[in-house]
Amino acid sequence: MIARLRGIVEGIEDGRCIVDVGGVGYLVFCSSRTLGALPDAGVASLLIETQVREDAIALYGFGTSAEREWFRLLTTVQGVGAKVALALLSALSPDQLIAAIATGDKATLTRTPGVGPKLAIRICTELREKAGGMPGGGGVVLAAGPVMRGNAADALSALTNLGYRRAEAEAALARAAEEHGEGAALDVLIRAGLKALAK
């Protein structure tokens, strides 16, 4: 397995580059963030994640170990392949990813090509507890979720009893509270929460 490449950047294309190492040109797929940091000419060093499939061996390059760790974590989510993971890393920095996942900010994630509302919810739900320990967050520790009281707590109970995951329901109710105010009636919060979950 290839873990790192150090060589001359022969060319940069959309989403990939060619790195010449000892006369062999390696095609490496990268985020736009990594590609933007590469020199137009001269020696560059990339951390590599090698993926072997039946029909191909693909190399994914990263300028920082934080970005590589995020790539590895993102691709553990069902529906997030290498292409979508690189698109997320192109659109969002590790700090922005941590913030979006911590707050259940589906809108920020869906601005990435290939990430729809359902996949955004899955990313937030599956990575919420892991994101706080990831590099790039400045040691931010994510809370298990917002503390809900009164009608919000009752609405959370209602949504989880309907079969929604707690993290999804918390994120939906947080948006409902922003829209209607924390003192909103129970039925208003439940309806708004269901509407947010249906998106």
Protein backbone atom coordinates (compact mmCIF):
# COMPACT_ATOMS: atom_id res chain seq x y z
CA MET A 1 0.00 0.00 0.00
CA ILE A 2 1.21 3.51 -0.79
CA ALA A 3 1.11 5.85 2.22
CA ARG A 4 3.03 8.88 0.93
CA LEU A 5 4.30 10.26 -2.37
CA ARG A 6 7.07 12.82 -2.76
CA GLY A 7 7.80 13.96 -6.26
CA ILE A 8 7.39 16.58 -8.98
CA VAL A 9 3.88 17.82 -9.75
CA GLU A 10 3.55 17.22 -13.48
CA GLY A 11 0.05 18.55 -13.88
CA ILE A 12 -3.05 19.63 -11.97
CA GLU A 13 -6.50 18.91 -13.35
CA ASP A 14 -10.01 19.15 -11.94
CA GLY A 15 -10.02 16.94 -8.85
CA ARG A 16 -6.67 15.29 -9.49
CA CYS A 17 -2.99 15.73 -10.15
CA ILE A 18 -0.08 13.77 -11.57
CA VAL A 19 2.96 13.33 -9.35
CA ASP A 20 6.17 12.10 -10.96
CA VAL A 21 8.18 9.94 -8.57
CA GLY A 22 11.39 8.59 -10.09
CA GLY A 23 10.00 8.68 -13.62
CA VAL A 24 6.65 7.09 -12.75
CA GLY A 25 3.60 9.34 -12.96
CA TYR A 26 1.00 8.65 -10.27
CA LEU A 27 -2.55 9.90 -10.78
CA VAL A 28 -3.76 11.17 -7.41
CA PHE A 29 -7.31 12.34 -6.63
CA CYS A 30 -7.41 15.31 -4.23
CA SER A 31 -9.75 17.86 -2.73
CA SER A 32 -9.68 21.35 -4.21
CA ARG A 33 -8.16 22.49 -0.89
CA THR A 34 -5.15 20.19 -1.35
CA LEU A 35 -4.81 20.96 -5.06
CA GLY A 36 -4.81 24.68 -4.32
CA ALA A 37 -1.88 24.25 -1.93
CA LEU A 38 0.29 22.34 -4.43
CA PRO A 39 3.10 24.19 -6.20
CA ASP A 40 2.65 24.79 -9.94
CA ALA A 41 6.11 23.31 -10.43
CA GLY A 42 8.60 21.68 -8.11
CA VAL A 43 8.59 18.99 -5.47
CA ALA A 44 5.49 18.25 -3.42
CA SER A 45 4.68 15.70 -0.75
CA LEU A 46 1.24 14.14 -0.34
CA LEU A 47 -0.12 11.76 2.25
CA ILE A 48 -1.89 8.95 0.41
CA GLU A 49 -4.88 6.76 1.08
CA THR A 50 -4.84 3.75 -1.26
CA GLN A 51 -8.12 2.07 -2.16
CA VAL A 52 -8.04 -1.27 -3.97
CA ARG A 53 -11.13 -2.49 -5.80
CA GLU A 54 -11.68 -5.37 -8.22
CA ASP A 55 -11.39 -3.09 -11.24
CA ALA A 56 -8.99 -0.38 -10.07
CA ILE A 57 -6.41 0.89 -7.60
CA ALA A 58 -7.07 4.52 -6.69
CA LEU A 59 -4.80 6.95 -4.87
CA TYR A 60 -6.24 9.82 -2.83
CA GLY A 61 -3.85 12.55 -1.75
CA PHE A 62 -3.97 14.96 1.19
CA GLY A 63 -1.90 17.94 2.20
CA THR A 64 -2.49 17.38 5.92
CA SER A 65 -3.00 14.39 8.19
CA ALA A 66 -6.21 16.05 9.47
CA GLU A 67 -7.71 15.97 6.01
CA ARG A 68 -6.72 12.30 5.54
CA GLU A 69 -8.27 11.35 8.90
CA TRP A 70 -11.50 13.10 7.93
CA PHE A 71 -11.52 11.28 4.58
CA ARG A 72 -11.20 7.95 6.38
CA LEU A 73 -14.00 8.83 8.81
CA LEU A 74 -16.38 10.19 6.18
CA THR A 75 -16.04 7.08 4.02
CA THR A 76 -17.25 4.92 6.94
CA VAL A 77 -20.72 6.41 6.45
CA GLN A 78 -22.94 4.38 4.12
CA GLY A 79 -23.48 6.37 0.93
CA VAL A 80 -20.29 8.41 1.29
CA GLY A 81 -17.77 7.17 -1.23
CA ALA A 82 -14.37 8.63 -1.98
CA LYS A 83 -15.79 11.15 -4.49
CA VAL A 84 -18.35 12.54 -2.02
CA ALA A 85 -15.79 12.60 0.81
CA LEU A 86 -13.40 14.67 -1.36
CA ALA A 87 -16.29 16.98 -2.31
CA LEU A 88 -17.06 17.53 1.40
CA LEU A 89 -13.40 18.22 2.14
CA SER A 90 -13.29 20.66 -0.79
CA ALA A 91 -16.34 22.54 0.45
CA LEU A 92 -15.69 22.47 4.22
CA SER A 93 -12.61 22.71 6.42
CA PRO A 94 -12.26 20.22 9.31
CA ASP A 95 -13.45 22.95 11.72
CA GLN A 96 -16.53 23.59 9.58
CA LEU A 97 -17.26 19.86 9.37
CA ILE A 98 -17.09 19.55 13.15
CA ALA A 99 -19.42 22.51 13.62
CA ALA A 100 -21.92 21.27 11.03
CA ILE A 101 -22.02 17.75 12.49
CA ALA A 102 -22.23 19.01 16.09
CA THR A 103 -25.20 21.26 15.36
CA GLY A 104 -26.92 18.94 12.90
CA ASP A 105 -26.56 21.62 10.23
CA LYS A 106 -27.98 19.68 7.31
CA ALA A 107 -28.14 22.79 5.09
CA THR A 108 -24.37 23.32 5.21
CA LEU A 109 -23.66 19.69 4.30
CA THR A 110 -26.19 19.61 1.45
CA ARG A 111 -24.40 22.47 -0.30
CA THR A 112 -21.82 19.84 -1.25
CA PRO A 113 -22.47 18.13 -4.61
CA GLY A 114 -23.66 14.56 -4.05
CA VAL A 115 -24.96 15.16 -0.51
CA GLY A 116 -28.74 15.17 -0.23
CA PRO A 117 -30.84 15.76 2.90
CA LYS A 118 -31.01 12.07 3.87
CA LEU A 119 -27.27 11.57 3.50
CA ALA A 120 -26.63 14.79 5.47
CA ILE A 121 -28.77 13.47 8.34
CA ARG A 122 -26.91 10.14 8.22
CA ILE A 123 -23.54 11.91 8.37
CA CYS A 124 -24.63 14.00 11.36
CA THR A 125 -26.16 11.02 13.17
CA GLU A 126 -23.34 8.54 12.61
CA LEU A 127 -20.41 10.91 13.15
CA ARG A 128 -21.73 13.13 15.94
CA GLU A 129 -19.97 11.30 18.75
CA LYS A 130 -16.76 10.78 16.74
CA ALA A 131 -16.34 14.27 15.28
CA GLY A 132 -15.24 15.93 18.53
CA GLY A 133 -12.12 13.79 18.69
CA MET A 134 -11.13 14.49 15.10
CA PRO A 135 -8.23 16.79 14.18
CA GLY A 136 -9.01 20.34 13.19
CA GLY A 137 -11.43 21.08 15.97
CA GLY A 138 -9.00 22.64 18.38
CA GLY A 139 -9.86 20.02 20.98
CA VAL A 140 -13.55 20.87 20.87
CA VAL A 141 -15.62 18.34 22.79
CA LEU A 142 -19.09 17.86 21.40
CA ALA A 143 -21.93 17.61 23.83
CA ALA A 144 -24.18 14.61 23.54
CA GLY A 145 -26.85 17.05 22.39
CA PRO A 146 -28.76 20.10 23.51
CA VAL A 147 -30.43 19.88 26.89
CA MET A 148 -34.15 20.06 26.19
CA ARG A 149 -36.69 21.10 28.77
CA GLY A 150 -40.45 21.63 28.90
CA ASN A 151 -42.29 21.33 25.60
CA ALA A 152 -39.05 20.66 23.70
CA ALA A 153 -38.32 17.63 25.91
CA ASP A 154 -41.88 16.36 25.41
CA ALA A 155 -41.60 16.88 21.65
CA LEU A 156 -38.28 14.98 21.65
CA SER A 157 -39.95 12.10 23.48
CA ALA A 158 -42.82 12.09 20.97
CA LEU A 159 -40.48 12.02 17.95
CA THR A 160 -38.28 9.25 19.36
CA ASN A 161 -41.43 7.23 20.18
CA LEU A 162 -42.40 7.60 16.51
CA GLY A 163 -39.16 5.82 15.61
CA TYR A 164 -36.82 8.72 14.79
CA ARG A 165 -33.26 8.54 16.10
CA ARG A 166 -32.58 10.81 19.04
CA ALA A 167 -29.82 12.80 17.29
CA GLU A 168 -32.03 13.40 14.23
CA ALA A 169 -34.95 14.46 16.42
CA GLU A 170 -32.75 16.79 18.51
CA ALA A 171 -31.41 18.50 15.39
CA ALA A 172 -34.93 18.91 13.95
CA LEU A 173 -36.29 20.32 17.21
CA ALA A 174 -33.35 22.72 17.54
CA ARG A 175 -34.30 24.14 14.14
CA ALA A 176 -37.98 24.23 15.14
CA ALA A 177 -37.10 26.16 18.31
CA GLU A 178 -35.07 28.67 16.28
CA GLU A 179 -38.00 29.18 13.93
CA HIS A 180 -40.85 29.30 16.45
CA GLY A 181 -39.07 30.27 19.68
CA GLU A 182 -38.18 28.13 22.68
CA GLY A 183 -41.56 28.77 24.31
CA ALA A 184 -43.52 27.36 21.35
CA ALA A 185 -46.48 25.08 22.04
CA LEU A 186 -45.91 21.34 22.06
CA ASP A 187 -48.00 20.66 18.94
CA VAL A 188 -46.17 23.44 17.04
CA LEU A 189 -42.78 21.95 17.92
CA ILE A 190 -43.85 18.41 16.95
CA ARG A 191 -45.25 19.55 13.60
CA ALA A 192 -42.16 21.65 12.84
CA GLY A 193 -39.89 18.79 13.91
CA LEU A 194 -41.71 16.33 11.64
CA LYS A 195 -41.50 18.81 8.76
CA ALA A 196 -37.73 19.19 9.27
CA LEU A 197 -37.27 15.41 9.44
CA ALA A 198 -39.23 14.91 6.23
CA LYS A 199 -36.85 17.14 4.22
